[in-house]
């Protein structure tokens, strides 16, 4: 009952923060400009992906959304890291696909190892985004080649092409509309102390790996579509920073972040499903709906009230649910399937996060020793 009551309080605080963000729409000019950039980049990336007839239009749109930062220079750096990681991951997936699709146990070990490496790298490396997307792309290439391993080279090519479309759109629009000043990236702790001071990063990577493998087998067992899409969504969600201002996150903080992800998933998914229920067939109005939803998600993502990841997760799920193919969706059912799959994966993520995180009494000596 205590955990349930705390979850209710977290949800109440989150919605209070979201309401305050809605009340402040447009008040901060720099935030408003970043929201406008996002609202232009995602429809532009979607249109370019459709023009080039790529396989996963939503992946190009997400790549554009995730590459947007507050300055042109930061957007370029983030876009380059994402693209470099994608190229490396596509190469790894292509090589591994010669053997792993025929051995599910070895495939599970590989997915777990890559997820763990990517999530740890995201937390400790100055080039963390490249590590993360190398792991995500490698996993995506393998999983999408399970049914037909001969398609792996095509899948690897299109994953790189889709990300290139998205980050190029983000870099161009951001540098046209935003200021160019290169703030130095935040210092990162590096890889040297994973068994010492950085053990929370190691633990975070371990539970990310377990979660991806559990989701994979759960989706295979209940025969739901888009296994690869679900595994990548979970890996991206698990990449959120694990270190709090005290150096170690409490179980409460881990649960709060997981609830923020689920709330973001619900908000983005419901918004997308409402858009789908309108049965819009006009391409221009479809792009307008996409841009409007992303504008709101970016505003929440830039919040300083601790609810920013709600906006990030909402934007990702909004894109995945609303962008399904080469035209405005003709049916709401594929969107419901995608939304249900993502929600189920995040539920598994929440359970794994709480089961594999030390209790507060265990963390207290560690915190005291670090002071």
Protein backbone atom coordinates (compact mmCIF):
# COMPACT_ATOMS: atom_id res chain seq x y z
CA UNK A 1 0.00 0.00 0.00
CA UNK A 2 2.88 2.37 0.76
CA UNK A 3 4.31 1.84 -2.75
CA UNK A 4 0.88 2.43 -4.28
CA UNK A 5 0.40 5.63 -2.29
CA UNK A 6 3.85 6.87 -3.34
CA UNK A 7 3.05 6.10 -6.99
CA UNK A 8 -0.15 8.15 -6.68
CA UNK A 9 1.85 11.06 -5.25
CA UNK A 10 4.40 10.83 -8.09
CA UNK A 11 1.62 10.84 -10.67
CA UNK A 12 -0.08 13.79 -8.96
CA UNK A 13 3.17 15.81 -8.90
CA UNK A 14 3.85 14.92 -12.53
CA UNK A 15 0.47 16.10 -13.76
CA UNK A 16 0.81 19.26 -11.66
CA UNK A 17 4.14 19.92 -13.38
CA UNK A 18 2.65 19.20 -16.81
CA UNK A 19 -0.20 21.59 -16.14
CA UNK A 20 2.25 24.32 -15.17
CA UNK A 21 4.13 23.70 -18.42
CA UNK A 22 0.93 24.08 -20.42
CA UNK A 23 0.22 27.38 -18.65
CA UNK A 24 3.67 28.66 -19.66
CA UNK A 25 3.43 27.84 -23.35
CA UNK A 26 5.24 30.44 -25.42
CA UNK A 27 6.55 32.49 -22.47
CA UNK A 28 10.22 31.52 -22.93
CA UNK A 29 11.40 32.58 -26.39
CA UNK A 30 14.35 30.17 -26.51
CA UNK A 31 12.12 27.19 -25.60
CA UNK A 32 9.48 28.32 -28.07
CA UNK A 33 12.09 28.48 -30.82
CA UNK A 34 13.29 24.95 -30.03
CA UNK A 35 9.67 23.75 -30.15
CA UNK A 36 9.20 25.37 -33.55
CA UNK A 37 12.37 23.67 -34.80
CA UNK A 38 11.03 20.29 -33.65
CA UNK A 39 7.62 20.94 -35.22
CA UNK A 40 9.36 21.61 -38.56
CA UNK A 41 12.04 18.92 -38.39
CA UNK A 42 9.81 15.89 -37.81
CA UNK A 43 7.37 16.61 -40.69
CA UNK A 44 10.36 17.46 -42.91
CA UNK A 45 12.13 14.21 -42.02
CA UNK A 46 8.87 12.31 -42.59
CA UNK A 47 8.38 13.90 -46.01
CA UNK A 48 11.97 13.21 -47.09
CA UNK A 49 11.73 9.60 -45.91
CA UNK A 50 8.56 9.16 -47.95
CA UNK A 51 10.19 10.82 -50.95
CA UNK A 52 13.11 8.38 -50.80
CA UNK A 53 10.75 5.46 -50.09
CA UNK A 54 12.61 4.11 -47.08
CA UNK A 55 11.28 1.15 -45.10
CA UNK A 56 10.73 2.68 -41.64
CA UNK A 57 9.59 6.27 -42.03
CA UNK A 58 9.00 6.56 -38.28
CA UNK A 59 12.68 5.85 -37.58
CA UNK A 60 13.74 8.83 -39.71
CA UNK A 61 11.20 11.00 -37.86
CA UNK A 62 12.43 9.85 -34.44
CA UNK A 63 16.04 10.45 -35.50
CA UNK A 64 15.18 14.05 -36.35
CA UNK A 65 13.28 14.56 -33.08
CA UNK A 66 16.06 13.11 -30.93
CA UNK A 67 18.81 15.16 -32.63
CA UNK A 68 17.30 18.55 -31.77
CA UNK A 69 19.11 20.57 -29.12
CA UNK A 70 18.92 24.18 -27.93
CA UNK A 71 21.68 25.42 -30.28
CA UNK A 72 22.75 24.68 -33.82
CA UNK A 73 26.19 23.49 -32.74
CA UNK A 74 24.75 21.08 -30.16
CA UNK A 75 22.30 19.69 -32.72
CA UNK A 76 25.14 19.05 -35.17
CA UNK A 77 27.22 17.26 -32.53
CA UNK A 78 24.28 15.14 -31.41
CA UNK A 79 23.33 14.30 -34.99
CA UNK A 80 26.89 13.25 -35.89
CA UNK A 81 27.18 11.02 -32.82
CA UNK A 82 23.88 9.36 -33.62
CA UNK A 83 24.86 8.80 -37.25
CA UNK A 84 28.32 7.42 -36.39
CA UNK A 85 26.81 5.05 -33.84
CA UNK A 86 24.21 3.91 -36.36
CA UNK A 87 26.82 3.16 -39.01
CA UNK A 88 28.92 1.13 -36.54
CA UNK A 89 25.87 -0.71 -35.25
CA UNK A 90 24.67 -1.55 -38.75
CA UNK A 91 28.10 -2.99 -39.54
CA UNK A 92 28.13 -5.09 -36.36
CA UNK A 93 24.63 -6.34 -37.01
CA UNK A 94 25.51 -7.24 -40.58
CA UNK A 95 28.52 -9.31 -39.47
CA UNK A 96 26.70 -10.99 -36.56
CA UNK A 97 23.72 -11.87 -38.75
CA UNK A 98 25.76 -14.56 -40.49
CA UNK A 99 25.36 -16.84 -37.45
CA UNK A 100 23.07 -15.49 -34.74
CA UNK A 101 19.63 -15.70 -36.43
CA UNK A 102 19.96 -19.49 -36.41
CA UNK A 103 20.76 -19.74 -32.68
CA UNK A 104 18.24 -17.99 -30.42
CA UNK A 105 20.28 -18.54 -27.27
CA UNK A 106 23.37 -16.94 -28.80
CA UNK A 107 21.13 -14.18 -30.18
CA UNK A 108 19.82 -13.47 -26.67
CA UNK A 109 23.35 -13.27 -25.27
CA UNK A 110 24.38 -10.93 -28.05
CA UNK A 111 21.36 -8.65 -27.57
CA UNK A 112 21.95 -8.54 -23.83
CA UNK A 113 25.66 -7.78 -24.22
CA UNK A 114 25.10 -5.06 -26.81
CA UNK A 115 22.33 -3.44 -24.79
CA UNK A 116 24.48 -3.47 -21.66
CA UNK A 117 27.45 -1.98 -23.52
CA UNK A 118 25.34 0.73 -25.14
CA UNK A 119 23.54 1.76 -21.95
CA UNK A 120 26.76 1.87 -19.90
CA UNK A 121 28.52 3.81 -22.64
CA UNK A 122 25.65 6.32 -22.69
CA UNK A 123 26.28 7.05 -18.99
CA UNK A 124 30.08 7.10 -18.77
CA UNK A 125 31.46 8.00 -22.21
CA UNK A 126 31.75 11.50 -23.71
CA UNK A 127 30.53 9.87 -26.92
CA UNK A 128 27.70 8.08 -25.16
CA UNK A 129 25.08 8.66 -27.83
CA UNK A 130 27.24 6.86 -30.40
CA UNK A 131 27.62 3.87 -28.04
CA UNK A 132 23.88 3.78 -27.42
CA UNK A 133 22.83 3.86 -31.06
CA UNK A 134 25.48 1.39 -32.10
CA UNK A 135 23.82 -1.05 -29.69
CA UNK A 136 20.28 -0.15 -30.78
CA UNK A 137 21.01 -0.37 -34.50
CA UNK A 138 22.90 -3.64 -34.18
CA UNK A 139 19.95 -5.16 -32.31
CA UNK A 140 17.45 -3.77 -34.80
CA UNK A 141 19.30 -5.16 -37.80
CA UNK A 142 19.48 -8.62 -36.23
CA UNK A 143 15.87 -8.74 -35.07
CA UNK A 144 14.44 -7.51 -38.36
CA UNK A 145 16.45 -10.20 -40.14
CA UNK A 146 15.12 -13.09 -38.06
CA UNK A 147 12.44 -14.11 -40.55
CA UNK A 148 14.70 -13.72 -43.56
CA UNK A 149 18.46 -13.37 -42.84
CA UNK A 150 19.06 -12.61 -46.51
CA UNK A 151 17.34 -9.26 -45.97
CA UNK A 152 19.93 -8.14 -43.39
CA UNK A 153 22.10 -6.11 -45.82
CA UNK A 154 19.01 -4.23 -47.02
CA UNK A 155 17.84 -3.64 -43.45
CA UNK A 156 21.28 -2.37 -42.41
CA UNK A 157 21.43 0.02 -45.36
CA UNK A 158 17.99 1.46 -44.73
CA UNK A 159 18.61 1.95 -41.00
CA UNK A 160 21.63 4.13 -41.82
CA UNK A 161 19.78 5.94 -44.59
CA UNK A 162 16.78 6.66 -42.34
CA UNK A 163 18.92 8.07 -39.55
CA UNK A 164 20.89 10.17 -42.05
CA UNK A 165 17.62 11.69 -43.31
CA UNK A 166 16.45 12.54 -39.80
CA UNK A 167 19.69 14.02 -38.45
CA UNK A 168 20.31 15.99 -41.66
CA UNK A 169 16.87 17.57 -41.37
CA UNK A 170 17.52 18.40 -37.72
CA UNK A 171 20.96 19.89 -38.33
CA UNK A 172 19.82 22.05 -41.24
CA UNK A 173 16.68 23.45 -39.59
CA UNK A 174 18.39 23.93 -36.21
CA UNK A 175 21.23 25.92 -37.79
CA UNK A 176 18.83 28.08 -39.77
CA UNK A 177 16.54 28.95 -36.86
CA UNK A 178 18.72 28.62 -33.73
CA UNK A 179 21.83 30.36 -32.47
CA UNK A 180 25.21 28.83 -33.16
CA UNK A 181 27.36 28.63 -30.06
CA UNK A 182 29.23 25.54 -29.00
CA UNK A 183 28.94 24.96 -25.27
CA UNK A 184 31.47 22.36 -24.09
CA UNK A 185 29.87 18.96 -23.44
CA UNK A 186 29.41 17.92 -19.83
CA UNK A 187 32.39 15.97 -18.42
CA UNK A 188 31.82 12.22 -18.21
CA UNK A 189 33.40 9.81 -15.70
CA UNK A 190 34.83 7.36 -18.24
CA UNK A 191 35.08 3.56 -18.19
CA UNK A 192 37.79 3.07 -15.55
CA UNK A 193 35.72 2.71 -12.38
CA UNK A 194 32.79 0.51 -13.37
CA UNK A 195 33.48 -1.85 -10.48
CA UNK A 196 34.02 1.04 -8.08
CA UNK A 197 32.41 4.45 -8.05
CA UNK A 198 30.54 3.83 -11.31
CA UNK A 199 28.86 0.58 -10.26
CA UNK A 200 25.35 2.14 -10.61
CA UNK A 201 26.02 2.52 -14.34
CA UNK A 202 27.01 -1.15 -14.51
CA UNK A 203 23.85 -2.17 -12.67
CA UNK A 204 21.73 0.00 -14.94
CA UNK A 205 23.26 -1.70 -17.98
CA UNK A 206 22.61 -5.14 -16.51
CA UNK A 207 18.93 -4.52 -15.90
CA UNK A 208 18.59 -2.94 -19.36
CA UNK A 209 20.05 -6.11 -20.89
CA UNK A 210 17.76 -8.37 -18.86
CA UNK A 211 14.76 -6.25 -19.78
CA UNK A 212 15.43 -6.39 -23.53
CA UNK A 213 15.85 -10.18 -23.47
CA UNK A 214 12.69 -10.62 -21.36
CA UNK A 215 10.72 -8.41 -23.72
CA UNK A 216 12.04 -10.33 -26.72
CA UNK A 217 10.91 -13.71 -25.38
CA UNK A 218 7.63 -12.31 -24.06
CA UNK A 219 6.78 -10.97 -27.50
CA UNK A 220 7.73 -14.26 -29.15
CA UNK A 221 5.70 -16.24 -26.59
CA UNK A 222 2.49 -14.23 -27.01
CA UNK A 223 3.09 -13.76 -30.75
CA UNK A 224 2.77 -9.97 -30.91
CA UNK A 225 4.04 -8.03 -33.94
CA UNK A 226 7.12 -5.82 -34.22
CA UNK A 227 9.47 -7.59 -31.81
CA UNK A 228 12.39 -5.54 -33.07
CA UNK A 229 10.52 -2.28 -32.60
CA UNK A 230 9.68 -3.18 -29.01
CA UNK A 231 13.22 -4.23 -28.11
CA UNK A 232 14.63 -0.96 -29.46
CA UNK A 233 12.02 1.12 -27.66
CA UNK A 234 12.93 -0.51 -24.35
CA UNK A 235 16.67 -0.08 -24.97
CA UNK A 236 16.17 3.61 -25.74
CA UNK A 237 14.05 4.10 -22.64
CA UNK A 238 16.66 2.40 -20.45
CA UNK A 239 19.30 4.86 -21.68
CA UNK A 240 18.04 7.61 -19.37
CA UNK A 241 20.77 8.71 -16.93
CA UNK A 242 20.84 6.65 -13.73
CA UNK A 243 22.99 8.93 -11.58
CA UNK A 244 21.22 11.43 -9.36
CA UNK A 245 22.71 14.49 -7.73
CA UNK A 246 23.82 12.34 -4.80
CA UNK A 247 25.71 9.97 -7.09
CA UNK A 248 23.33 7.08 -6.45
CA UNK A 249 19.65 6.86 -7.31
CA UNK A 250 17.24 5.55 -4.71
CA UNK A 251 14.65 2.93 -5.46
CA UNK A 252 12.07 5.70 -5.26
CA UNK A 253 13.89 7.74 -7.92
CA UNK A 254 14.16 4.73 -10.22
CA UNK A 255 10.43 4.06 -9.82
CA UNK A 256 9.66 7.73 -10.44
CA UNK A 257 11.60 7.75 -13.72
CA UNK A 258 9.89 4.52 -14.81
CA UNK A 259 6.48 6.03 -14.05
CA UNK A 260 7.41 9.12 -16.04
CA UNK A 261 8.20 6.90 -19.01
CA UNK A 262 4.90 5.07 -18.72
CA UNK A 263 2.97 8.34 -18.37
CA UNK A 264 4.78 9.74 -21.40
CA UNK A 265 3.95 6.60 -23.34
CA UNK A 266 0.28 6.88 -22.38
CA UNK A 267 0.04 10.59 -23.20
CA UNK A 268 1.81 10.28 -26.55
CA UNK A 269 -0.04 7.12 -27.51
CA UNK A 270 -3.47 8.43 -26.59
CA UNK A 271 -2.82 11.69 -28.45
CA UNK A 272 -1.75 9.75 -31.55
CA UNK A 273 -4.76 7.43 -31.34
CA UNK A 274 -7.08 10.43 -31.10
CA UNK A 275 -5.45 11.82 -34.24
CA UNK A 276 -5.90 8.47 -35.97
CA UNK A 277 -9.56 8.36 -34.92
CA UNK A 278 -10.13 11.52 -36.98
CA UNK A 279 -9.45 9.43 -40.13
CA UNK A 280 -7.53 12.26 -41.76
CA UNK A 281 -6.67 11.43 -45.38
CA UNK A 282 -5.08 14.76 -46.35
CA UNK A 283 -1.30 14.56 -46.40
CA UNK A 284 -0.92 18.21 -45.37
CA UNK A 285 -3.27 17.86 -42.40
CA UNK A 286 -1.51 14.66 -41.36
CA UNK A 287 1.84 16.47 -41.30
CA UNK A 288 0.22 19.34 -39.42
CA UNK A 289 -1.01 16.95 -36.72
CA UNK A 290 2.47 15.45 -36.45
CA UNK A 291 4.08 18.88 -36.13
CA UNK A 292 1.56 20.08 -33.55
CA UNK A 293 2.00 17.02 -31.35
CA UNK A 294 5.80 17.21 -31.53
CA UNK A 295 5.71 20.93 -30.69
CA UNK A 296 3.94 20.13 -27.43
CA UNK A 297 6.23 17.16 -26.67
CA UNK A 298 9.35 19.28 -27.16
CA UNK A 299 7.96 21.96 -24.85
CA UNK A 300 7.53 19.36 -22.10
CA UNK A 301 10.93 17.80 -22.86
CA UNK A 302 12.68 21.11 -22.15
CA UNK A 303 10.94 21.45 -18.77
CA UNK A 304 12.98 22.28 -15.66
CA UNK A 305 10.38 20.80 -13.30
CA UNK A 306 11.60 17.22 -13.53
CA UNK A 307 9.03 16.07 -16.10
CA UNK A 308 11.19 16.42 -19.21
CA UNK A 309 11.41 12.70 -19.90
CA UNK A 310 7.61 12.55 -20.06
CA UNK A 311 7.87 14.77 -23.15
CA UNK A 312 10.69 12.69 -24.67
CA UNK A 313 8.81 9.43 -24.28
CA UNK A 314 5.54 11.00 -25.44
CA UNK A 315 7.22 12.29 -28.60
CA UNK A 316 8.73 8.90 -29.45
CA UNK A 317 5.45 7.02 -28.92
CA UNK A 318 3.47 9.72 -30.75
CA UNK A 319 5.68 9.29 -33.81
CA UNK A 320 5.70 5.48 -33.74
CA UNK A 321 1.92 5.31 -33.37
CA UNK A 322 0.96 7.98 -35.89
CA UNK A 323 3.52 7.30 -38.62
CA UNK A 324 2.89 3.79 -39.92
CA UNK A 325 3.64 3.75 -43.62
CA UNK A 326 3.81 5.76 -46.81
CA UNK A 327 0.58 7.72 -46.28
CA UNK A 328 -1.83 8.87 -43.56
CA UNK A 329 -3.04 5.72 -41.78
CA UNK A 330 -6.33 4.37 -43.07
CA UNK A 331 -7.07 2.38 -39.91
CA UNK A 332 -6.60 2.94 -36.19
CA UNK A 333 -5.89 -0.76 -35.48
CA UNK A 334 -2.15 -0.80 -36.41
CA UNK A 335 -1.69 2.19 -34.13
CA UNK A 336 -3.44 0.37 -31.29
CA UNK A 337 -1.18 -2.67 -31.83
CA UNK A 338 1.95 -0.52 -31.65
CA UNK A 339 0.71 1.38 -28.63
CA UNK A 340 -0.19 -1.82 -26.78
CA UNK A 341 3.22 -3.32 -27.53
CA UNK A 342 5.10 -0.29 -26.23
CA UNK A 343 2.98 -0.10 -23.09
CA UNK A 344 3.60 -3.79 -22.38
CA UNK A 345 7.33 -3.36 -22.82
CA UNK A 346 7.43 -0.41 -20.45
CA UNK A 347 5.47 -2.43 -17.89
CA UNK A 348 8.15 -5.12 -18.01
CA UNK A 349 10.76 -2.39 -17.73
CA UNK A 350 9.17 -1.05 -14.55
CA UNK A 351 9.10 -4.49 -12.92
CA UNK A 352 12.70 -5.29 -13.83
CA UNK A 353 13.86 -1.85 -12.68
CA UNK A 354 12.36 -2.27 -9.21
CA UNK A 355 13.39 -5.89 -8.75
CA UNK A 356 17.02 -5.27 -9.70
CA UNK A 357 17.68 -2.07 -7.76
CA UNK A 358 19.05 -2.06 -4.21
CA UNK A 359 16.85 -0.85 -1.41
CA UNK A 360 17.51 2.51 0.24
CA UNK A 361 19.17 0.96 3.36
CA UNK A 362 21.71 -0.75 1.09
CA UNK A 363 22.44 2.49 -0.75
CA UNK A 364 22.79 4.63 2.39
CA UNK A 365 26.33 3.46 3.31
CA UNK A 366 27.44 4.00 -0.28
CA UNK A 367 26.09 7.52 -0.22
CA UNK A 368 27.74 8.32 3.07
CA UNK A 369 31.07 6.94 1.91
CA UNK A 370 31.00 9.20 -1.13
CA UNK A 371 30.61 12.38 0.89
